[in-house]
Protein backbone atom coordinates (compact mmCIF):
# COMPACT_ATOMS: atom_id res chain seq x y z
CA MET A 1 24.79 -7.50 -64.75
CA THR A 2 26.19 -7.77 -61.27
CA ASP A 3 28.11 -4.94 -59.66
CA ILE A 4 31.23 -6.77 -58.49
CA ARG A 5 32.49 -4.06 -56.15
CA SER A 6 29.08 -3.61 -54.57
CA ASP A 7 28.56 -7.34 -54.07
CA LEU A 8 31.98 -7.68 -52.41
CA ALA A 9 31.34 -4.64 -50.19
CA THR A 10 27.94 -6.06 -49.18
CA PHE A 11 29.52 -9.41 -48.28
CA LEU A 12 32.06 -7.63 -46.06
CA ALA A 13 29.38 -5.42 -44.50
CA ASP A 14 27.25 -8.48 -43.73
CA SER A 15 30.28 -10.27 -42.28
CA PHE A 16 31.36 -7.28 -40.16
CA PRO A 17 28.20 -5.23 -39.49
CA ASN A 18 29.87 -2.97 -36.93
CA LEU A 19 32.70 -1.87 -39.25
CA THR A 20 32.96 0.54 -42.11
CA ILE A 21 35.40 -0.78 -44.69
CA ALA A 22 36.68 1.45 -47.49
CA ASP A 23 37.34 -0.05 -50.93
CA ASP A 24 41.10 0.44 -50.60
CA GLU A 25 41.38 -0.50 -46.93
CA ASP A 26 43.80 -3.36 -46.19
CA LEU A 27 41.67 -6.07 -44.58
CA PHE A 28 44.74 -7.90 -43.28
CA GLY A 29 46.66 -4.82 -42.17
CA ARG A 30 43.66 -3.64 -40.18
CA GLY A 31 43.25 -7.07 -38.60
CA ILE A 32 39.79 -7.62 -40.08
CA ALA A 33 40.64 -10.74 -42.06
CA ASN A 34 42.30 -13.85 -40.68
CA SER A 35 43.03 -17.21 -42.29
CA LEU A 36 39.55 -18.61 -41.66
CA PHE A 37 37.83 -15.53 -43.07
CA THR A 38 40.14 -15.62 -46.09
CA ILE A 39 38.83 -19.09 -46.93
CA GLN A 40 35.25 -17.85 -46.53
CA LEU A 41 36.05 -14.94 -48.81
CA ILE A 42 37.56 -17.20 -51.47
CA MET A 43 34.52 -19.47 -51.30
CA PHE A 44 32.17 -16.49 -51.62
CA VAL A 45 34.02 -15.15 -54.66
CA GLU A 46 34.06 -18.52 -56.40
CA LYS A 47 30.40 -19.30 -55.72
CA HIS A 48 28.88 -15.84 -56.11
CA PHE A 49 30.74 -14.93 -59.29
CA ALA A 50 30.87 -18.49 -60.70
CA VAL A 51 34.64 -18.52 -61.08
CA GLN A 52 37.42 -20.85 -60.06
CA ILE A 53 40.41 -19.04 -58.65
CA PRO A 54 43.60 -20.58 -60.05
CA ASN A 55 46.32 -21.52 -57.56
CA GLU A 56 48.58 -18.75 -58.85
CA ASP A 57 45.91 -16.18 -57.89
CA LEU A 58 45.52 -17.48 -54.34
CA GLU A 59 47.73 -14.82 -52.84
CA LEU A 60 46.86 -12.29 -50.17
CA ASP A 61 47.38 -9.29 -52.43
CA ASN A 62 44.37 -10.39 -54.52
CA PHE A 63 42.16 -10.36 -51.41
CA ARG A 64 43.69 -7.50 -49.44
CA THR A 65 41.15 -4.85 -50.51
CA VAL A 66 37.74 -4.62 -52.18
CA THR A 67 39.48 -2.94 -55.11
CA ALA A 68 41.96 -5.83 -55.50
CA MET A 69 39.19 -8.42 -55.30
CA THR A 70 37.12 -6.50 -57.84
CA LYS A 71 40.04 -6.49 -60.28
CA LEU A 72 40.60 -10.21 -59.74
CA VAL A 73 36.95 -11.06 -60.43
CA GLU A 74 36.87 -8.76 -63.47
CA ARG A 75 39.92 -10.55 -64.86
CA LEU A 76 38.55 -14.02 -64.12
CA THR A 77 35.12 -13.27 -65.59
CA GLY A 78 36.42 -11.25 -68.52
CA THR A 79 34.40 -8.20 -67.50
CA ARG A 80 35.67 -4.68 -67.51
CA PRO A 81 34.52 -1.68 -65.52
CA ASP A 82 32.37 0.83 -67.34
CA ALA A 83 34.54 3.23 -69.25
């Protein structure tokens, strides 16, 4: 089974190799993400995790942090973190 958080963190690390990004760090507030990168991020999530993000979930808060994206993917895939 894939580690959602780890896969998202790896994508960000590959996209921004000179930055360290914490799981709860605001990508938009820090100026890391812009509109073009947001589209790349959405495309990565949909392709990598084999999900389609509904229009109502296409809001910045779902992509603001690794933690928020992890929760979104868990909800869309019906997976839950290990208890």
